[in-house]
Amino acid sequence: MLCRLNAPLMVLAYRDNHQAATTIPAGKTIDVIGPAEDDRFCVVNSDGEEFLVFESDLMDRGTLLMRKESSNREVIQLRRATRR
């Protein structure tokens, strides 16, 4: 699922170094891969790199883009998965 950022988004390194943070600029389109092990986070892909982002920040600062063949089911599944 794609998401266009309306405001800069702070993200955390996904695999090796959770202390490393970077900002993805506003206007960028990122791919939301799905929920992370920690239910507060989602995994996103930007320029071929995976990051962790707070699901609440993603919803506040981005607009989910739906493909024509997609339905709201993906959004509902993402929200359910992140609220376990």
PDB file of N, CA and C in Angstrom:
ATOM      1  N   MET A   1       0.848  -1.153   0.000  1.00  0.00           N
ATOM      2  CA  MET A   1       0.000   0.000   0.000  1.00  0.00           C
ATOM      3  C   MET A   1       0.906   1.232   0.000  1.00  0.00           C
ATOM      4  N   LEU A   2       0.566   2.193  -0.813  1.00  0.00           N
ATOM      5  CA  LEU A   2       1.379   3.400  -0.920  1.00  0.00           C
ATOM      6  C   LEU A   2       0.818   4.508  -0.045  1.00  0.00           C
ATOM      7  N   CYS A   3       1.714   5.382   0.405  1.00  0.00           N
ATOM      8  CA  CYS A   3       1.326   6.513   1.244  1.00  0.00           C
ATOM      9  C   CYS A   3       2.134   7.731   0.811  1.00  0.00           C
ATOM     10  N   ARG A   4       1.442   8.832   0.540  1.00  0.00           N
ATOM     11  CA  ARG A   4       2.120  10.087   0.194  1.00  0.00           C
ATOM     12  C   ARG A   4       2.207  10.933   1.461  1.00  0.00           C
ATOM     13  N   LEU A   5       3.406  11.408   1.768  1.00  0.00           N
ATOM     14  CA  LEU A   5       3.622  12.187   2.984  1.00  0.00           C
ATOM     15  C   LEU A   5       3.242  13.643   2.781  1.00  0.00           C
ATOM     16  N   ASN A   6       2.431  14.162   3.687  1.00  0.00           N
ATOM     17  CA  ASN A   6       2.019  15.561   3.673  1.00  0.00           C
ATOM     18  C   ASN A   6       2.940  16.421   4.524  1.00  0.00           C
ATOM     19  N   ALA A   7       3.707  15.799   5.387  1.00  0.00           N
ATOM     20  CA  ALA A   7       4.640  16.479   6.290  1.00  0.00           C
ATOM     21  C   ALA A   7       5.848  15.567   6.463  1.00  0.00           C
ATOM     22  N   PRO A   8       6.996  16.111   6.861  1.00  0.00           N
ATOM     23  CA  PRO A   8       8.169  15.259   7.100  1.00  0.00           C
ATOM     24  C   PRO A   8       7.852  14.174   8.134  1.00  0.00           C
ATOM     25  N   LEU A   9       8.452  13.005   7.967  1.00  0.00           N
ATOM     26  CA  LEU A   9       8.173  11.854   8.820  1.00  0.00           C
ATOM     27  C   LEU A   9       9.471  11.302   9.396  1.00  0.00           C
ATOM     28  N   MET A  10       9.564  11.229  10.724  1.00  0.00           N
ATOM     29  CA  MET A  10      10.729  10.652  11.397  1.00  0.00           C
ATOM     30  C   MET A  10      10.569   9.132  11.405  1.00  0.00           C
ATOM     31  N   VAL A  11      11.604   8.423  10.955  1.00  0.00           N
ATOM     32  CA  VAL A  11      11.587   6.961  10.901  1.00  0.00           C
ATOM     33  C   VAL A  11      12.815   6.414  11.598  1.00  0.00           C
ATOM     34  N   LEU A  12      12.740   5.144  12.011  1.00  0.00           N
ATOM     35  CA  LEU A  12      13.837   4.472  12.697  1.00  0.00           C
ATOM     36  C   LEU A  12      14.398   3.352  11.833  1.00  0.00           C
ATOM     37  N   ALA A  13      15.699   3.101  11.976  1.00  0.00           N
ATOM     38  CA  ALA A  13      16.325   1.990  11.258  1.00  0.00           C
ATOM     39  C   ALA A  13      15.613   0.699  11.635  1.00  0.00           C
ATOM     40  N   TYR A  14      15.409  -0.191  10.677  1.00  0.00           N
ATOM     41  CA  TYR A  14      14.556  -1.358  10.883  1.00  0.00           C
ATOM     42  C   TYR A  14      15.279  -2.567  11.462  1.00  0.00           C
ATOM     43  N   ARG A  15      16.393  -2.928  10.962  1.00  0.00           N
ATOM     44  CA  ARG A  15      17.017  -4.192  11.363  1.00  0.00           C
ATOM     45  C   ARG A  15      18.081  -4.055  12.455  1.00  0.00           C
ATOM     46  N   ASP A  16      19.175  -3.402  12.137  1.00  0.00           N
ATOM     47  CA  ASP A  16      20.354  -3.488  12.987  1.00  0.00           C
ATOM     48  C   ASP A  16      20.458  -2.429  14.077  1.00  0.00           C
ATOM     49  N   ASN A  17      20.025  -1.230  13.809  1.00  0.00           N
ATOM     50  CA  ASN A  17      20.316  -0.144  14.719  1.00  0.00           C
ATOM     51  C   ASN A  17      19.072   0.696  14.988  1.00  0.00           C
ATOM     52  N   HIS A  18      18.321   0.338  16.017  1.00  0.00           N
ATOM     53  CA  HIS A  18      17.085   1.061  16.324  1.00  0.00           C
ATOM     54  C   HIS A  18      17.352   2.453  16.870  1.00  0.00           C
ATOM     55  N   GLN A  19      18.598   2.794  17.134  1.00  0.00           N
ATOM     56  CA  GLN A  19      18.915   4.116  17.646  1.00  0.00           C
ATOM     57  C   GLN A  19      19.143   5.118  16.523  1.00  0.00           C
ATOM     58  N   ALA A  20      19.224   4.641  15.293  1.00  0.00           N
ATOM     59  CA  ALA A  20      19.429   5.526  14.153  1.00  0.00           C
ATOM     60  C   ALA A  20      18.078   6.013  13.635  1.00  0.00           C
ATOM     61  N   ALA A  21      17.923   7.307  13.550  1.00  0.00           N
ATOM     62  CA  ALA A  21      16.681   7.899  13.044  1.00  0.00           C
ATOM     63  C   ALA A  21      17.015   8.818  11.877  1.00  0.00           C
ATOM     64  N   THR A  22      16.075   8.928  10.961  1.00  0.00           N
ATOM     65  CA  THR A  22      16.226   9.820   9.821  1.00  0.00           C
ATOM     66  C   THR A  22      14.846  10.380   9.478  1.00  0.00           C
ATOM     67  N   THR A  23      14.822  11.372   8.646  1.00  0.00           N
ATOM     68  CA  THR A  23      13.562  11.995   8.251  1.00  0.00           C
ATOM     69  C   THR A  23      13.314  11.771   6.766  1.00  0.00           C
ATOM     70  N   ILE A  24      12.096  11.385   6.447  1.00  0.00           N
ATOM     71  CA  ILE A  24      11.674  11.290   5.060  1.00  0.00           C
ATOM     72  C   ILE A  24      10.923  12.587   4.761  1.00  0.00           C
ATOM     73  N   PRO A  25      11.295  13.293   3.705  1.00  0.00           N
ATOM     74  CA  PRO A  25      10.695  14.617   3.444  1.00  0.00           C
ATOM     75  C   PRO A  25       9.238  14.549   2.999  1.00  0.00           C
ATOM     76  N   ALA A  26       8.532  15.649   3.208  1.00  0.00           N
ATOM     77  CA  ALA A  26       7.148  15.778   2.751  1.00  0.00           C
ATOM     78  C   ALA A  26       7.107  15.675   1.228  1.00  0.00           C
ATOM     79  N   GLY A  27       6.021  15.161   0.696  1.00  0.00           N
ATOM     80  CA  GLY A  27       5.861  15.014  -0.741  1.00  0.00           C
ATOM     81  C   GLY A  27       6.335  13.676  -1.277  1.00  0.00           C
ATOM     82  N   LYS A  28       7.075  12.932  -0.489  1.00  0.00           N
ATOM     83  CA  LYS A  28       7.599  11.630  -0.900  1.00  0.00           C
ATOM     84  C   LYS A  28       6.499  10.572  -0.810  1.00  0.00           C
ATOM     85  N   THR A  29       6.500   9.631  -1.729  1.00  0.00           N
ATOM     86  CA  THR A  29       5.578   8.500  -1.675  1.00  0.00           C
ATOM     87  C   THR A  29       6.352   7.288  -1.193  1.00  0.00           C
ATOM     88  N   ILE A  30       5.858   6.650  -0.135  1.00  0.00           N
ATOM     89  CA  ILE A  30       6.519   5.487   0.443  1.00  0.00           C
ATOM     90  C   ILE A  30       5.588   4.285   0.356  1.00  0.00           C
ATOM     91  N   ASP A  31       6.170   3.098   0.467  1.00  0.00           N
ATOM     92  CA  ASP A  31       5.403   1.860   0.436  1.00  0.00           C
ATOM     93  C   ASP A  31       5.242   1.353   1.860  1.00  0.00           C
ATOM     94  N   VAL A  32       4.005   1.166   2.301  1.00  0.00           N
ATOM     95  CA  VAL A  32       3.727   0.612   3.625  1.00  0.00           C
ATOM     96  C   VAL A  32       3.695  -0.901   3.473  1.00  0.00           C
ATOM     97  N   ILE A  33       4.671  -1.577   4.065  1.00  0.00           N
ATOM     98  CA  ILE A  33       4.801  -3.022   3.918  1.00  0.00           C
ATOM     99  C   ILE A  33       3.831  -3.760   4.834  1.00  0.00           C
ATOM    100  N   GLY A  34       3.717  -3.285   6.076  1.00  0.00           N
ATOM    101  CA  GLY A  34       2.802  -3.936   7.013  1.00  0.00           C
ATOM    102  C   GLY A  34       3.202  -3.652   8.438  1.00  0.00           C
ATOM    103  N   PRO A  35       2.580  -4.335   9.383  1.00  0.00           N
ATOM    104  CA  PRO A  35       2.867  -4.114  10.799  1.00  0.00           C
ATOM    105  C   PRO A  35       4.218  -4.706  11.192  1.00  0.00           C
ATOM    106  N   ALA A  36       4.815  -4.114  12.218  1.00  0.00           N
ATOM    107  CA  ALA A  36       6.070  -4.620  12.776  1.00  0.00           C
ATOM    108  C   ALA A  36       5.753  -5.530  13.961  1.00  0.00           C
ATOM    109  N   GLU A  37       6.773  -6.144  14.532  1.00  0.00           N
ATOM    110  CA  GLU A  37       6.577  -7.004  15.703  1.00  0.00           C
ATOM    111  C   GLU A  37       6.013  -6.210  16.878  1.00  0.00           C
ATOM    112  N   ASP A  38       6.493  -4.999  17.066  1.00  0.00           N
ATOM    113  CA  ASP A  38       5.974  -4.103  18.087  1.00  0.00           C
ATOM    114  C   ASP A  38       4.723  -3.451  17.525  1.00  0.00           C
ATOM    115  N   ASP A  39       3.596  -3.604  18.181  1.00  0.00           N
ATOM    116  CA  ASP A  39       2.320  -3.182  17.610  1.00  0.00           C
ATOM    117  C   ASP A  39       2.147  -1.671  17.457  1.00  0.00           C
ATOM    118  N   ARG A  40       3.089  -0.878  17.902  1.00  0.00           N
ATOM    119  CA  ARG A  40       3.021   0.577  17.719  1.00  0.00           C
ATOM    120  C   ARG A  40       3.558   1.003  16.360  1.00  0.00           C
ATOM    121  N   PHE A  41       4.312   0.123  15.703  1.00  0.00           N
ATOM    122  CA  PHE A  41       5.043   0.481  14.496  1.00  0.00           C
ATOM    123  C   PHE A  41       4.510  -0.210  13.242  1.00  0.00           C
ATOM    124  N   CYS A  42       4.784   0.409  12.105  1.00  0.00           N
ATOM    125  CA  CYS A  42       4.602  -0.186  10.777  1.00  0.00           C
ATOM    126  C   CYS A  42       5.973  -0.218  10.118  1.00  0.00           C
ATOM    127  N   VAL A  43       6.142  -1.128   9.173  1.00  0.00           N
ATOM    128  CA  VAL A  43       7.359  -1.198   8.371  1.00  0.00           C
ATOM    129  C   VAL A  43       7.059  -0.500   7.051  1.00  0.00           C
ATOM    130  N   VAL A  44       7.933   0.430   6.672  1.00  0.00           N
ATOM    131  CA  VAL A  44       7.774   1.146   5.409  1.00  0.00           C
ATOM    132  C   VAL A  44       9.051   1.010   4.586  1.00  0.00           C
ATOM    133  N   ASN A  45       8.911   1.177   3.279  1.00  0.00           N
ATOM    134  CA  ASN A  45      10.040   1.122   2.368  1.00  0.00           C
ATOM    135  C   ASN A  45      10.143   2.466   1.657  1.00  0.00           C
ATOM    136  N   SER A  46      11.332   3.059   1.730  1.00  0.00           N
ATOM    137  CA  SER A  46      11.594   4.314   1.038  1.00  0.00           C
ATOM    138  C   SER A  46      12.937   4.194   0.335  1.00  0.00           C
ATOM    139  N   ASP A  47      12.938   4.349  -0.958  1.00  0.00           N
ATOM    140  CA  ASP A  47      14.159   4.251  -1.769  1.00  0.00           C
ATOM    141  C   ASP A  47      14.913   2.946  -1.538  1.00  0.00           C
ATOM    142  N   GLY A  48      14.174   1.847  -1.399  1.00  0.00           N
ATOM    143  CA  GLY A  48      14.790   0.532  -1.252  1.00  0.00           C
ATOM    144  C   GLY A  48      15.268   0.203   0.147  1.00  0.00           C
ATOM    145  N   GLU A  49      15.030   1.067   1.120  1.00  0.00           N
ATOM    146  CA  GLU A  49      15.427   0.806   2.504  1.00  0.00           C
ATOM    147  C   GLU A  49      14.189   0.680   3.372  1.00  0.00           C
ATOM    148  N   GLU A  50      14.226  -0.256   4.324  1.00  0.00           N
ATOM    149  CA  GLU A  50      13.094  -0.460   5.219  1.00  0.00           C
ATOM    150  C   GLU A  50      13.320   0.282   6.532  1.00  0.00           C
ATOM    151  N   PHE A  51      12.236   0.874   7.030  1.00  0.00           N
ATOM    152  CA  PHE A  51      12.266   1.639   8.273  1.00  0.00           C
ATOM    153  C   PHE A  51      11.055   1.302   9.116  1.00  0.00           C
ATOM    154  N   LEU A  52      11.161   1.605  10.421  1.00  0.00           N
ATOM    155  CA  LEU A  52      10.029   1.533  11.324  1.00  0.00           C
ATOM    156  C   LEU A  52       9.469   2.928  11.509  1.00  0.00           C
ATOM    157  N   VAL A  53       8.154   3.029  11.581  1.00  0.00           N
ATOM    158  CA  VAL A  53       7.504   4.314  11.808  1.00  0.00           C
ATOM    159  C   VAL A  53       6.300   4.070  12.710  1.00  0.00           C
ATOM    160  N   PHE A  54       6.041   5.009  13.604  1.00  0.00           N
ATOM    161  CA  PHE A  54       4.841   4.907  14.424  1.00  0.00           C
ATOM    162  C   PHE A  54       3.622   4.958  13.517  1.00  0.00           C
ATOM    163  N   GLU A  55       2.699   4.015  13.702  1.00  0.00           N
ATOM    164  CA  GLU A  55       1.495   3.968  12.893  1.00  0.00           C
ATOM    165  C   GLU A  55       0.704   5.260  13.030  1.00  0.00           C
ATOM    166  N   SER A  56       0.658   5.829  14.227  1.00  0.00           N
ATOM    167  CA  SER A  56      -0.079   7.079  14.444  1.00  0.00           C
ATOM    168  C   SER A  56       0.553   8.239  13.670  1.00  0.00           C
ATOM    169  N   ASP A  57       1.888   8.292  13.616  1.00  0.00           N
ATOM    170  CA  ASP A  57       2.567   9.333  12.838  1.00  0.00           C
ATOM    171  C   ASP A  57       2.267   9.179  11.349  1.00  0.00           C
ATOM    172  N   LEU A  58       2.260   7.948  10.881  1.00  0.00           N
ATOM    173  CA  LEU A  58       1.988   7.684   9.471  1.00  0.00           C
ATOM    174  C   LEU A  58       0.582   8.160   9.101  1.00  0.00           C
ATOM    175  N   MET A  59      -0.396   7.873   9.942  1.00  0.00           N
ATOM    176  CA  MET A  59      -1.774   8.288   9.669  1.00  0.00           C
ATOM    177  C   MET A  59      -1.931   9.807   9.769  1.00  0.00           C
ATOM    178  N   ASP A  60      -1.203  10.441  10.685  1.00  0.00           N
ATOM    179  CA  ASP A  60      -1.296  11.895  10.857  1.00  0.00           C
ATOM    180  C   ASP A  60      -0.602  12.661   9.740  1.00  0.00           C
ATOM    181  N   ARG A  61       0.519  12.145   9.248  1.00  0.00           N
ATOM    182  CA  ARG A  61       1.358  12.892   8.313  1.00  0.00           C
ATOM    183  C   ARG A  61       1.266  12.429   6.872  1.00  0.00           C
ATOM    184  N   GLY A  62       0.508  11.363   6.624  1.00  0.00           N
ATOM    185  CA  GLY A  62       0.430  10.836   5.266  1.00  0.00           C
ATOM    186  C   GLY A  62      -0.983  10.593   4.800  1.00  0.00           C
ATOM    187  N   THR A  63      -1.113  10.420   3.497  1.00  0.00           N
ATOM    188  CA  THR A  63      -2.383  10.074   2.874  1.00  0.00           C
ATOM    189  C   THR A  63      -2.207   8.734   2.189  1.00  0.00           C
ATOM    190  N   LEU A  64      -3.026   7.746   2.577  1.00  0.00           N
ATOM    191  CA  LEU A  64      -2.942   6.435   1.956  1.00  0.00           C
ATOM    192  C   LEU A  64      -3.485   6.516   0.537  1.00  0.00           C
ATOM    193  N   LEU A  65      -2.742   5.958  -0.392  1.00  0.00           N
ATOM    194  CA  LEU A  65      -3.131   5.948  -1.797  1.00  0.00           C
ATOM    195  C   LEU A  65      -3.641   4.561  -2.140  1.00  0.00           C
ATOM    196  N   MET A  66      -4.832   4.498  -2.686  1.00  0.00           N
ATOM    197  CA  MET A  66      -5.429   3.211  -3.018  1.00  0.00           C
ATOM    198  C   MET A  66      -5.311   2.971  -4.512  1.00  0.00           C
ATOM    199  N   ARG A  67      -4.905   1.772  -4.881  1.00  0.00           N
ATOM    200  CA  ARG A  67      -4.917   1.376  -6.277  1.00  0.00           C
ATOM    201  C   ARG A  67      -6.358   1.012  -6.640  1.00  0.00           C
ATOM    202  N   LYS A  68      -6.715   1.126  -7.910  1.00  0.00           N
ATOM    203  CA  LYS A  68      -8.093   0.833  -8.312  1.00  0.00           C
ATOM    204  C   LYS A  68      -8.505  -0.581  -7.945  1.00  0.00           C
ATOM    205  N   GLU A  69      -7.603  -1.537  -8.096  1.00  0.00           N
ATOM    206  CA  GLU A  69      -7.948  -2.922  -7.790  1.00  0.00           C
ATOM    207  C   GLU A  69      -7.948  -3.210  -6.301  1.00  0.00           C
ATOM    208  N   SER A  70      -7.409  -2.292  -5.489  1.00  0.00           N
ATOM    209  CA  SER A  70      -7.389  -2.475  -4.042  1.00  0.00           C
ATOM    210  C   SER A  70      -8.721  -2.059  -3.447  1.00  0.00           C
ATOM    211  N   SER A  71      -8.932  -2.485  -2.248  1.00  0.00           N
ATOM    212  CA  SER A  71     -10.138  -2.080  -1.543  1.00  0.00           C
ATOM    213  C   SER A  71      -9.740  -1.570  -0.167  1.00  0.00           C
ATOM    214  N   ASN A  72     -10.693  -1.144   0.582  1.00  0.00           N
ATOM    215  CA  ASN A  72     -10.420  -0.681   1.941  1.00  0.00           C
ATOM    216  C   ASN A  72      -9.980  -1.820   2.843  1.00  0.00           C
ATOM    217  N   ARG A  73     -10.075  -3.038   2.369  1.00  0.00           N
ATOM    218  CA  ARG A  73      -9.694  -4.202   3.163  1.00  0.00           C
ATOM    219  C   ARG A  73      -8.240  -4.125   3.619  1.00  0.00           C
ATOM    220  N   GLU A  74      -7.331  -3.663   2.736  1.00  0.00           N
ATOM    221  CA  GLU A  74      -5.920  -3.532   3.103  1.00  0.00           C
ATOM    222  C   GLU A  74      -5.740  -2.562   4.255  1.00  0.00           C
ATOM    223  N   VAL A  75      -6.447  -1.440   4.234  1.00  0.00           N
ATOM    224  CA  VAL A  75      -6.347  -0.446   5.299  1.00  0.00           C
ATOM    225  C   VAL A  75      -6.868  -1.022   6.600  1.00  0.00           C
ATOM    226  N   ILE A  76      -8.005  -1.720   6.531  1.00  0.00           N
ATOM    227  CA  ILE A  76      -8.592  -2.317   7.734  1.00  0.00           C
ATOM    228  C   ILE A  76      -7.654  -3.365   8.301  1.00  0.00           C
ATOM    229  N   GLN A  77      -7.059  -4.205   7.447  1.00  0.00           N
ATOM    230  CA  GLN A  77      -6.131  -5.226   7.921  1.00  0.00           C
ATOM    231  C   GLN A  77      -4.914  -4.601   8.562  1.00  0.00           C
ATOM    232  N   LEU A  78      -4.389  -3.512   7.988  1.00  0.00           N
ATOM    233  CA  LEU A  78      -3.233  -2.829   8.561  1.00  0.00           C
ATOM    234  C   LEU A  78      -3.592  -2.291   9.932  1.00  0.00           C
ATOM    235  N   ARG A  79      -4.725  -1.648  10.059  1.00  0.00           N
ATOM    236  CA  ARG A  79      -5.133  -1.080  11.348  1.00  0.00           C
ATOM    237  C   ARG A  79      -5.354  -2.181  12.386  1.00  0.00           C
ATOM    238  N   ARG A  80      -5.994  -3.278  12.008  1.00  0.00           N
ATOM    239  CA  ARG A  80      -6.204  -4.371  12.942  1.00  0.00           C
ATOM    240  C   ARG A  80      -4.879  -4.960  13.397  1.00  0.00           C
ATOM    241  N   ALA A  81      -3.978  -5.156  12.460  1.00  0.00           N
ATOM    242  CA  ALA A  81      -2.690  -5.772  12.777  1.00  0.00           C
ATOM    243  C   ALA A  81      -1.864  -4.890  13.697  1.00  0.00           C
ATOM    244  N   THR A  82      -1.989  -3.574  13.577  1.00  0.00           N
ATOM    245  CA  THR A  82      -1.188  -2.701  14.414  1.00  0.00           C
ATOM    246  C   THR A  82      -1.811  -2.432  15.765  1.00  0.00           C
ATOM    247  N   ARG A  83      -3.027  -2.883  15.999  1.00  0.00           N
ATOM    248  CA  ARG A  83      -3.700  -2.639  17.273  1.00  0.00           C
ATOM    249  C   ARG A  83      -3.868  -3.924  18.100  1.00  0.00           C
ATOM    250  N   ARG A  84      -3.073  -4.929  17.868  1.00  0.00           N
ATOM    251  CA  ARG A  84      -3.190  -6.191  18.633  1.00  0.00           C
ATOM    252  C   ARG A  84      -2.825  -5.995  20.064  1.00  0.00           C
TER     253      ARG A  84
END
